[in-house]
Amino acid sequence: TYMEKQGLGSPGLWNGFAWRMTEINQHLDAALDRINQAVNSISGEEAKTRAQIMDTQAEVLWKLGRVEDAVDVMNQCIELQPEDPYYQKQKNKFLGKST
């Protein structure tokens, strides 16, 4: 759409908004809506980009207390970027394990 071409409502913008909401622990329901929109719009993106946006989705889910959903998303990130240790660290954080 025109707005997306202008960068308004883009996955990157939604991702930034959602991540910021996890940092300040506010508006997490709105953050989940936006990050879900971002994830649904990135199917054609490269694996690294998809994993980065899905990482934000997992973080929001975790902050909302939806640990199992967060771990499921993080497992997908690990599949997309198996060589990146960050995603395993995130999964361990969600599970309450020290790294």
PDB file of N, CA and C in Angstrom:
ATOM      1  N   THR A   1       0.838  -1.187   0.000  1.00  0.00           N
ATOM      2  CA  THR A   1       0.000   0.000   0.000  1.00  0.00           C
ATOM      3  C   THR A   1       0.878   1.243   0.000  1.00  0.00           C
ATOM      4  N   TYR A   2       0.259   2.371  -0.251  1.00  0.00           N
ATOM      5  CA  TYR A   2       0.996   3.632  -0.276  1.00  0.00           C
ATOM      6  C   TYR A   2       1.679   3.897   1.060  1.00  0.00           C
ATOM      7  N   MET A   3       0.941   3.683   2.161  1.00  0.00           N
ATOM      8  CA  MET A   3       1.517   3.961   3.477  1.00  0.00           C
ATOM      9  C   MET A   3       2.737   3.091   3.747  1.00  0.00           C
ATOM     10  N   GLU A   4       2.676   1.823   3.366  1.00  0.00           N
ATOM     11  CA  GLU A   4       3.823   0.948   3.574  1.00  0.00           C
ATOM     12  C   GLU A   4       5.015   1.404   2.753  1.00  0.00           C
ATOM     13  N   LYS A   5       4.759   1.864   1.515  1.00  0.00           N
ATOM     14  CA  LYS A   5       5.854   2.347   0.678  1.00  0.00           C
ATOM     15  C   LYS A   5       6.498   3.582   1.279  1.00  0.00           C
ATOM     16  N   GLN A   6       5.741   4.362   2.024  1.00  0.00           N
ATOM     17  CA  GLN A   6       6.268   5.548   2.671  1.00  0.00           C
ATOM     18  C   GLN A   6       6.953   5.223   3.997  1.00  0.00           C
ATOM     19  N   GLY A   7       6.945   3.948   4.380  1.00  0.00           N
ATOM     20  CA  GLY A   7       7.585   3.549   5.621  1.00  0.00           C
ATOM     21  C   GLY A   7       6.672   3.656   6.834  1.00  0.00           C
ATOM     22  N   LEU A   8       5.417   3.974   6.619  1.00  0.00           N
ATOM     23  CA  LEU A   8       4.467   4.072   7.724  1.00  0.00           C
ATOM     24  C   LEU A   8       3.784   2.725   7.870  1.00  0.00           C
ATOM     25  N   GLY A   9       3.897   2.142   9.025  1.00  0.00           N
ATOM     26  CA  GLY A   9       3.302   0.827   9.202  1.00  0.00           C
ATOM     27  C   GLY A   9       4.140  -0.287   8.611  1.00  0.00           C
ATOM     28  N   SER A  10       5.423  -0.050   8.481  1.00  0.00           N
ATOM     29  CA  SER A  10       6.310  -1.074   7.936  1.00  0.00           C
ATOM     30  C   SER A  10       6.705  -2.054   9.032  1.00  0.00           C
ATOM     31  N   PRO A  11       7.119  -3.255   8.649  1.00  0.00           N
ATOM     32  CA  PRO A  11       7.575  -4.212   9.663  1.00  0.00           C
ATOM     33  C   PRO A  11       8.671  -3.650  10.559  1.00  0.00           C
ATOM     34  N   GLY A  12       9.580  -2.888  10.001  1.00  0.00           N
ATOM     35  CA  GLY A  12      10.647  -2.304  10.813  1.00  0.00           C
ATOM     36  C   GLY A  12      10.119  -1.336  11.855  1.00  0.00           C
ATOM     37  N   LEU A  13       9.147  -0.531  11.462  1.00  0.00           N
ATOM     38  CA  LEU A  13       8.539   0.414  12.391  1.00  0.00           C
ATOM     39  C   LEU A  13       7.769  -0.324  13.479  1.00  0.00           C
ATOM     40  N   TRP A  14       6.996  -1.318  13.086  1.00  0.00           N
ATOM     41  CA  TRP A  14       6.245  -2.115  14.058  1.00  0.00           C
ATOM     42  C   TRP A  14       7.192  -2.818  15.022  1.00  0.00           C
ATOM     43  N   ASN A  15       8.282  -3.341  14.483  1.00  0.00           N
ATOM     44  CA  ASN A  15       9.270  -4.026  15.307  1.00  0.00           C
ATOM     45  C   ASN A  15       9.872  -3.063  16.334  1.00  0.00           C
ATOM     46  N   GLY A  16      10.245  -1.880  15.885  1.00  0.00           N
ATOM     47  CA  GLY A  16      10.819  -0.892  16.781  1.00  0.00           C
ATOM     48  C   GLY A  16       9.859  -0.489  17.885  1.00  0.00           C
ATOM     49  N   PHE A  17       8.605  -0.276  17.517  1.00  0.00           N
ATOM     50  CA  PHE A  17       7.582   0.078  18.503  1.00  0.00           C
ATOM     51  C   PHE A  17       7.426  -1.038  19.525  1.00  0.00           C
ATOM     52  N   ALA A  18       7.285  -2.272  19.041  1.00  0.00           N
ATOM     53  CA  ALA A  18       7.050  -3.401  19.937  1.00  0.00           C
ATOM     54  C   ALA A  18       8.238  -3.609  20.873  1.00  0.00           C
ATOM     55  N   TRP A  19       9.455  -3.505  20.349  1.00  0.00           N
ATOM     56  CA  TRP A  19      10.634  -3.700  21.202  1.00  0.00           C
ATOM     57  C   TRP A  19      10.694  -2.618  22.268  1.00  0.00           C
ATOM     58  N   ARG A  20      10.399  -1.395  21.886  1.00  0.00           N
ATOM     59  CA  ARG A  20      10.427  -0.304  22.865  1.00  0.00           C
ATOM     60  C   ARG A  20       9.396  -0.542  23.969  1.00  0.00           C
ATOM     61  N   MET A  21       8.247  -1.045  23.614  1.00  0.00           N
ATOM     62  CA  MET A  21       7.221  -1.313  24.619  1.00  0.00           C
ATOM     63  C   MET A  21       7.683  -2.396  25.602  1.00  0.00           C
ATOM     64  N   THR A  22       8.485  -3.360  25.115  1.00  0.00           N
ATOM     65  CA  THR A  22       9.021  -4.365  26.044  1.00  0.00           C
ATOM     66  C   THR A  22      10.033  -3.728  26.983  1.00  0.00           C
ATOM     67  N   GLU A  23      10.767  -2.732  26.499  1.00  0.00           N
ATOM     68  CA  GLU A  23      11.764  -2.072  27.336  1.00  0.00           C
ATOM     69  C   GLU A  23      11.113  -1.266  28.459  1.00  0.00           C
ATOM     70  N   ILE A  24       9.981  -0.637  28.169  1.00  0.00           N
ATOM     71  CA  ILE A  24       9.322   0.195  29.179  1.00  0.00           C
ATOM     72  C   ILE A  24       8.148  -0.533  29.830  1.00  0.00           C
ATOM     73  N   ASN A  25       7.885  -1.755  29.370  1.00  0.00           N
ATOM     74  CA  ASN A  25       6.851  -2.620  29.945  1.00  0.00           C
ATOM     75  C   ASN A  25       5.471  -1.956  29.934  1.00  0.00           C
ATOM     76  N   GLN A  26       5.134  -1.360  28.792  1.00  0.00           N
ATOM     77  CA  GLN A  26       3.844  -0.702  28.640  1.00  0.00           C
ATOM     78  C   GLN A  26       3.240  -1.065  27.292  1.00  0.00           C
ATOM     79  N   HIS A  27       1.918  -0.968  27.216  1.00  0.00           N
ATOM     80  CA  HIS A  27       1.181  -1.169  25.959  1.00  0.00           C
ATOM     81  C   HIS A  27       1.557  -2.485  25.269  1.00  0.00           C
ATOM     82  N   LEU A  28       1.727  -3.535  26.055  1.00  0.00           N
ATOM     83  CA  LEU A  28       2.188  -4.811  25.505  1.00  0.00           C
ATOM     84  C   LEU A  28       1.147  -5.456  24.593  1.00  0.00           C
ATOM     85  N   ASP A  29      -0.145  -5.253  24.866  1.00  0.00           N
ATOM     86  CA  ASP A  29      -1.165  -5.800  23.966  1.00  0.00           C
ATOM     87  C   ASP A  29      -1.079  -5.135  22.599  1.00  0.00           C
ATOM     88  N   ALA A  30      -0.901  -3.824  22.577  1.00  0.00           N
ATOM     89  CA  ALA A  30      -0.735  -3.107  21.307  1.00  0.00           C
ATOM     90  C   ALA A  30       0.558  -3.546  20.628  1.00  0.00           C
ATOM     91  N   ALA A  31       1.600  -3.748  21.417  1.00  0.00           N
ATOM     92  CA  ALA A  31       2.876  -4.205  20.861  1.00  0.00           C
ATOM     93  C   ALA A  31       2.710  -5.571  20.200  1.00  0.00           C
ATOM     94  N   LEU A  32       1.955  -6.454  20.835  1.00  0.00           N
ATOM     95  CA  LEU A  32       1.731  -7.781  20.256  1.00  0.00           C
ATOM     96  C   LEU A  32       0.961  -7.671  18.949  1.00  0.00           C
ATOM     97  N   ASP A  33      -0.046  -6.814  18.904  1.00  0.00           N
ATOM     98  CA  ASP A  33      -0.787  -6.615  17.654  1.00  0.00           C
ATOM     99  C   ASP A  33       0.142  -6.165  16.537  1.00  0.00           C
ATOM    100  N   ARG A  34       0.988  -5.181  16.826  1.00  0.00           N
ATOM    101  CA  ARG A  34       1.881  -4.638  15.791  1.00  0.00           C
ATOM    102  C   ARG A  34       2.937  -5.653  15.359  1.00  0.00           C
ATOM    103  N   ILE A  35       3.521  -6.364  16.321  1.00  0.00           N
ATOM    104  CA  ILE A  35       4.571  -7.304  15.947  1.00  0.00           C
ATOM    105  C   ILE A  35       3.982  -8.498  15.210  1.00  0.00           C
ATOM    106  N   ASN A  36       2.756  -8.875  15.541  1.00  0.00           N
ATOM    107  CA  ASN A  36       2.099  -9.932  14.767  1.00  0.00           C
ATOM    108  C   ASN A  36       1.875  -9.478  13.333  1.00  0.00           C
ATOM    109  N   GLN A  37       1.509  -8.215  13.134  1.00  0.00           N
ATOM    110  CA  GLN A  37       1.362  -7.677  11.779  1.00  0.00           C
ATOM    111  C   GLN A  37       2.696  -7.742  11.049  1.00  0.00           C
ATOM    112  N   ALA A  38       3.751  -7.374  11.750  1.00  0.00           N
ATOM    113  CA  ALA A  38       5.079  -7.399  11.137  1.00  0.00           C
ATOM    114  C   ALA A  38       5.458  -8.810  10.719  1.00  0.00           C
ATOM    115  N   VAL A  39       5.279  -9.770  11.626  1.00  0.00           N
ATOM    116  CA  VAL A  39       5.631 -11.162  11.321  1.00  0.00           C
ATOM    117  C   VAL A  39       4.811 -11.672  10.141  1.00  0.00           C
ATOM    118  N   ASN A  40       3.541 -11.331  10.095  1.00  0.00           N
ATOM    119  CA  ASN A  40       2.677 -11.788   9.000  1.00  0.00           C
ATOM    120  C   ASN A  40       3.040 -11.166   7.661  1.00  0.00           C
ATOM    121  N   SER A  41       3.792 -10.077   7.671  1.00  0.00           N
ATOM    122  CA  SER A  41       4.114  -9.395   6.416  1.00  0.00           C
ATOM    123  C   SER A  41       5.531  -9.657   5.919  1.00  0.00           C
ATOM    124  N   ILE A  42       6.283 -10.532   6.568  1.00  0.00           N
ATOM    125  CA  ILE A  42       7.708 -10.700   6.225  1.00  0.00           C
ATOM    126  C   ILE A  42       8.046 -12.061   5.641  1.00  0.00           C
ATOM    127  N   SER A  43       7.078 -12.780   5.148  1.00  0.00           N
ATOM    128  CA  SER A  43       7.342 -14.145   4.678  1.00  0.00           C
ATOM    129  C   SER A  43       8.418 -14.206   3.602  1.00  0.00           C
ATOM    130  N   GLY A  44       8.540 -13.171   2.804  1.00  0.00           N
ATOM    131  CA  GLY A  44       9.521 -13.180   1.730  1.00  0.00           C
ATOM    132  C   GLY A  44      10.893 -12.668   2.128  1.00  0.00           C
ATOM    133  N   GLU A  45      11.031 -12.207   3.350  1.00  0.00           N
ATOM    134  CA  GLU A  45      12.308 -11.639   3.791  1.00  0.00           C
ATOM    135  C   GLU A  45      13.336 -12.742   4.051  1.00  0.00           C
ATOM    136  N   GLU A  46      14.597 -12.344   4.094  1.00  0.00           N
ATOM    137  CA  GLU A  46      15.659 -13.303   4.387  1.00  0.00           C
ATOM    138  C   GLU A  46      15.540 -13.800   5.822  1.00  0.00           C
ATOM    139  N   ALA A  47      16.131 -14.945   6.080  1.00  0.00           N
ATOM    140  CA  ALA A  47      16.003 -15.613   7.380  1.00  0.00           C
ATOM    141  C   ALA A  47      16.452 -14.719   8.529  1.00  0.00           C
ATOM    142  N   LYS A  48      17.541 -13.981   8.353  1.00  0.00           N
ATOM    143  CA  LYS A  48      18.057 -13.141   9.434  1.00  0.00           C
ATOM    144  C   LYS A  48      17.037 -12.072   9.825  1.00  0.00           C
ATOM    145  N   THR A  49      16.430 -11.441   8.841  1.00  0.00           N
ATOM    146  CA  THR A  49      15.420 -10.414   9.102  1.00  0.00           C
ATOM    147  C   THR A  49      14.205 -11.016   9.780  1.00  0.00           C
ATOM    148  N   ARG A  50      13.748 -12.153   9.297  1.00  0.00           N
ATOM    149  CA  ARG A  50      12.586 -12.809   9.905  1.00  0.00           C
ATOM    150  C   ARG A  50      12.882 -13.161  11.362  1.00  0.00           C
ATOM    151  N   ALA A  51      14.069 -13.700  11.624  1.00  0.00           N
ATOM    152  CA  ALA A  51      14.429 -14.082  12.990  1.00  0.00           C
ATOM    153  C   ALA A  51      14.473 -12.865  13.907  1.00  0.00           C
ATOM    154  N   GLN A  52      14.984 -11.750  13.409  1.00  0.00           N
ATOM    155  CA  GLN A  52      15.073 -10.544  14.242  1.00  0.00           C
ATOM    156  C   GLN A  52      13.680 -10.036  14.618  1.00  0.00           C
ATOM    157  N   ILE A  53      12.759 -10.044  13.688  1.00  0.00           N
ATOM    158  CA  ILE A  53      11.407  -9.570  13.973  1.00  0.00           C
ATOM    159  C   ILE A  53      10.667 -10.574  14.854  1.00  0.00           C
ATOM    160  N   MET A  54      10.873 -11.848  14.598  1.00  0.00           N
ATOM    161  CA  MET A  54      10.227 -12.867  15.426  1.00  0.00           C
ATOM    162  C   MET A  54      10.787 -12.866  16.847  1.00  0.00           C
ATOM    163  N   ASP A  55      12.040 -12.472  17.002  1.00  0.00           N
ATOM    164  CA  ASP A  55      12.625 -12.337  18.333  1.00  0.00           C
ATOM    165  C   ASP A  55      11.842 -11.312  19.150  1.00  0.00           C
ATOM    166  N   THR A  56      11.478 -10.221  18.511  1.00  0.00           N
ATOM    167  CA  THR A  56      10.670  -9.212  19.199  1.00  0.00           C
ATOM    168  C   THR A  56       9.309  -9.782  19.564  1.00  0.00           C
ATOM    169  N   GLN A  57       8.724 -10.547  18.651  1.00  0.00           N
ATOM    170  CA  GLN A  57       7.433 -11.187  18.938  1.00  0.00           C
ATOM    171  C   GLN A  57       7.561 -12.073  20.177  1.00  0.00           C
ATOM    172  N   ALA A  58       8.621 -12.861  20.246  1.00  0.00           N
ATOM    173  CA  ALA A  58       8.834 -13.748  21.390  1.00  0.00           C
ATOM    174  C   ALA A  58       9.010 -12.948  22.674  1.00  0.00           C
ATOM    175  N   GLU A  59       9.742 -11.856  22.601  1.00  0.00           N
ATOM    176  CA  GLU A  59       9.969 -11.021  23.791  1.00  0.00           C
ATOM    177  C   GLU A  59       8.643 -10.456  24.310  1.00  0.00           C
ATOM    178  N   VAL A  60       7.790  -9.988  23.402  1.00  0.00           N
ATOM    179  CA  VAL A  60       6.480  -9.464  23.814  1.00  0.00           C
ATOM    180  C   VAL A  60       5.656 -10.571  24.465  1.00  0.00           C
ATOM    181  N   LEU A  61       5.620 -11.728  23.830  1.00  0.00           N
ATOM    182  CA  LEU A  61       4.868 -12.848  24.397  1.00  0.00           C
ATOM    183  C   LEU A  61       5.374 -13.186  25.797  1.00  0.00           C
ATOM    184  N   TRP A  62       6.685 -13.215  25.968  1.00  0.00           N
ATOM    185  CA  TRP A  62       7.284 -13.521  27.262  1.00  0.00           C
ATOM    186  C   TRP A  62       6.879 -12.486  28.307  1.00  0.00           C
ATOM    187  N   LYS A  63       6.947 -11.207  27.918  1.00  0.00           N
ATOM    188  CA  LYS A  63       6.566 -10.136  28.841  1.00  0.00           C
ATOM    189  C   LYS A  63       5.097 -10.248  29.240  1.00  0.00           C
ATOM    190  N   LEU A  64       4.274 -10.795  28.352  1.00  0.00           N
ATOM    191  CA  LEU A  64       2.851 -10.995  28.636  1.00  0.00           C
ATOM    192  C   LEU A  64       2.599 -12.271  29.449  1.00  0.00           C
ATOM    193  N   GLY A  65       3.673 -12.998  29.776  1.00  0.00           N
ATOM    194  CA  GLY A  65       3.531 -14.217  30.565  1.00  0.00           C
ATOM    195  C   GLY A  65       3.181 -15.444  29.740  1.00  0.00           C
ATOM    196  N   ARG A  66       3.280 -15.328  28.424  1.00  0.00           N
ATOM    197  CA  ARG A  66       2.966 -16.443  27.527  1.00  0.00           C
ATOM    198  C   ARG A  66       4.262 -17.170  27.167  1.00  0.00           C
ATOM    199  N   VAL A  67       4.849 -17.801  28.177  1.00  0.00           N
ATOM    200  CA  VAL A  67       6.180 -18.388  28.050  1.00  0.00           C
ATOM    201  C   VAL A  67       6.216 -19.472  26.978  1.00  0.00           C
ATOM    202  N   GLU A  68       5.235 -20.358  26.968  1.00  0.00           N
ATOM    203  CA  GLU A  68       5.239 -21.444  25.985  1.00  0.00           C
ATOM    204  C   GLU A  68       5.191 -20.898  24.559  1.00  0.00           C
ATOM    205  N   ASP A  69       4.363 -19.894  24.331  1.00  0.00           N
ATOM    206  CA  ASP A  69       4.298 -19.276  22.998  1.00  0.00           C
ATOM    207  C   ASP A  69       5.626 -18.611  22.653  1.00  0.00           C
ATOM    208  N   ALA A  70       6.234 -17.944  23.631  1.00  0.00           N
ATOM    209  CA  ALA A  70       7.518 -17.282  23.396  1.00  0.00           C
ATOM    210  C   ALA A  70       8.592 -18.300  23.021  1.00  0.00           C
ATOM    211  N   VAL A  71       8.611 -19.414  23.713  1.00  0.00           N
ATOM    212  CA  VAL A  71       9.600 -20.461  23.419  1.00  0.00           C
ATOM    213  C   VAL A  71       9.350 -21.052  22.035  1.00  0.00           C
ATOM    214  N   ASP A  72       8.086 -21.246  21.670  1.00  0.00           N
ATOM    215  CA  ASP A  72       7.770 -21.756  20.330  1.00  0.00           C
ATOM    216  C   ASP A  72       8.312 -20.827  19.246  1.00  0.00           C
ATOM    217  N   VAL A  73       8.108 -19.529  19.418  1.00  0.00           N
ATOM    218  CA  VAL A  73       8.612 -18.561  18.438  1.00  0.00           C
ATOM    219  C   VAL A  73      10.136 -18.570  18.438  1.00  0.00           C
ATOM    220  N   MET A  74      10.741 -18.651  19.615  1.00  0.00           N
ATOM    221  CA  MET A  74      12.206 -18.650  19.683  1.00  0.00           C
ATOM    222  C   MET A  74      12.787 -19.896  19.023  1.00  0.00           C
ATOM    223  N   ASN A  75      12.103 -21.025  19.152  1.00  0.00           N
ATOM    224  CA  ASN A  75      12.561 -22.230  18.442  1.00  0.00           C
ATOM    225  C   ASN A  75      12.574 -22.001  16.937  1.00  0.00           C
ATOM    226  N   GLN A  76      11.600 -21.261  16.418  1.00  0.00           N
ATOM    227  CA  GLN A  76      11.580 -20.936  14.991  1.00  0.00           C
ATOM    228  C   GLN A  76      12.761 -20.028  14.634  1.00  0.00           C
ATOM    229  N   CYS A  77      13.083 -19.087  15.533  1.00  0.00           N
ATOM    230  CA  CYS A  77      14.243 -18.217  15.298  1.00  0.00           C
ATOM    231  C   CYS A  77      15.527 -19.044  15.251  1.00  0.00           C
ATOM    232  N   ILE A  78      15.631 -20.002  16.154  1.00  0.00           N
ATOM    233  CA  ILE A  78      16.816 -20.865  16.189  1.00  0.00           C
ATOM    234  C   ILE A  78      16.917 -21.667  14.895  1.00  0.00           C
ATOM    235  N   GLU A  79      15.786 -22.139  14.376  1.00  0.00           N
ATOM    236  CA  GLU A  79      15.799 -22.854  13.097  1.00  0.00           C
ATOM    237  C   GLU A  79      16.252 -21.945  11.964  1.00  0.00           C
ATOM    238  N   LEU A  80      15.826 -20.682  12.002  1.00  0.00           N
ATOM    239  CA  LEU A  80      16.197 -19.731  10.950  1.00  0.00           C
ATOM    240  C   LEU A  80      17.664 -19.326  11.034  1.00  0.00           C
ATOM    241  N   GLN A  81      18.194 -19.219  12.259  1.00  0.00           N
ATOM    242  CA  GLN A  81      19.563 -18.737  12.481  1.00  0.00           C
ATOM    243  C   GLN A  81      20.287 -19.642  13.478  1.00  0.00           C
ATOM    244  N   PRO A  82      20.510 -20.906  13.116  1.00  0.00           N
ATOM    245  CA  PRO A  82      21.093 -21.854  14.077  1.00  0.00           C
ATOM    246  C   PRO A  82      22.500 -21.483  14.535  1.00  0.00           C
ATOM    247  N   GLU A  83      23.215 -20.697  13.753  1.00  0.00           N
ATOM    248  CA  GLU A  83      24.590 -20.345  14.107  1.00  0.00           C
ATOM    249  C   GLU A  83      24.671 -19.149  15.052  1.00  0.00           C
ATOM    250  N   ASP A  84      23.548 -18.493  15.326  1.00  0.00           N
ATOM    251  CA  ASP A  84      23.549 -17.311  16.176  1.00  0.00           C
ATOM    252  C   ASP A  84      23.193 -17.703  17.609  1.00  0.00           C
ATOM    253  N   PRO A  85      24.145 -17.582  18.561  1.00  0.00           N
ATOM    254  CA  PRO A  85      23.882 -18.011  19.944  1.00  0.00           C
ATOM    255  C   PRO A  85      22.868 -17.130  20.677  1.00  0.00           C
ATOM    256  N   TYR A  86      22.600 -15.942  20.168  1.00  0.00           N
ATOM    257  CA  TYR A  86      21.666 -15.019  20.827  1.00  0.00           C
ATOM    258  C   TYR A  86      20.295 -15.662  21.035  1.00  0.00           C
ATOM    259  N   TYR A  87      19.805 -16.375  20.043  1.00  0.00           N
ATOM    260  CA  TYR A  87      18.452 -16.923  20.122  1.00  0.00           C
ATOM    261  C   TYR A  87      18.357 -18.030  21.177  1.00  0.00           C
ATOM    262  N   GLN A  88      19.403 -18.821  21.318  1.00  0.00           N
ATOM    263  CA  GLN A  88      19.410 -19.837  22.381  1.00  0.00           C
ATOM    264  C   GLN A  88      19.452 -19.168  23.747  1.00  0.00           C
ATOM    265  N   LYS A  89      20.203 -18.070  23.858  1.00  0.00           N
ATOM    266  CA  LYS A  89      20.243 -17.324  25.123  1.00  0.00           C
ATOM    267  C   LYS A  89      18.860 -16.775  25.458  1.00  0.00           C
ATOM    268  N   GLN A  90      18.169 -16.266  24.462  1.00  0.00           N
ATOM    269  CA  GLN A  90      16.812 -15.757  24.673  1.00  0.00           C
ATOM    270  C   GLN A  90      15.884 -16.883  25.146  1.00  0.00           C
ATOM    271  N   LYS A  91      15.975 -18.027  24.488  1.00  0.00           N
ATOM    272  CA  LYS A  91      15.143 -19.164  24.880  1.00  0.00           C
ATOM    273  C   LYS A  91      15.423 -19.545  26.329  1.00  0.00           C
ATOM    274  N   ASN A  92      16.692 -19.591  26.702  1.00  0.00           N
ATOM    275  CA  ASN A  92      17.052 -19.923  28.080  1.00  0.00           C
ATOM    276  C   ASN A  92      16.497 -18.893  29.056  1.00  0.00           C
ATOM    277  N   LYS A  93      16.533 -17.619  28.674  1.00  0.00           N
ATOM    278  CA  LYS A  93      15.968 -16.558  29.513  1.00  0.00           C
ATOM    279  C   LYS A  93      14.474 -16.805  29.721  1.00  0.00           C
ATOM    280  N   PHE A  94      13.775 -17.128  28.648  1.00  0.00           N
ATOM    281  CA  PHE A  94      12.336 -17.372  28.745  1.00  0.00           C
ATOM    282  C   PHE A  94      12.032 -18.561  29.663  1.00  0.00           C
ATOM    283  N   LEU A  95      12.900 -19.551  29.619  1.00  0.00           N
ATOM    284  CA  LEU A  95      12.716 -20.755  30.428  1.00  0.00           C
ATOM    285  C   LEU A  95      13.240 -20.611  31.852  1.00  0.00           C
ATOM    286  N   GLY A  96      13.840 -19.437  32.138  1.00  0.00           N
ATOM    287  CA  GLY A  96      14.358 -19.198  33.481  1.00  0.00           C
ATOM    288  C   GLY A  96      15.680 -19.880  33.753  1.00  0.00           C
ATOM    289  N   LYS A  97      16.385 -20.247  32.681  1.00  0.00           N
ATOM    290  CA  LYS A  97      17.686 -20.904  32.833  1.00  0.00           C
ATOM    291  C   LYS A  97      18.789 -19.872  32.707  1.00  0.00           C
ATOM    292  N   SER A  98      19.831 -20.016  33.500  1.00  0.00           N
ATOM    293  CA  SER A  98      20.984 -19.136  33.352  1.00  0.00           C
ATOM    294  C   SER A  98      21.822 -19.617  32.190  1.00  0.00           C
ATOM    295  N   THR A  99      22.503 -18.680  31.540  1.00  0.00           N
ATOM    296  CA  THR A  99      23.317 -19.046  30.368  1.00  0.00           C
ATOM    297  C   THR A  99      24.780 -18.983  30.695  1.00  0.00           C
TER     298      THR A  99
END
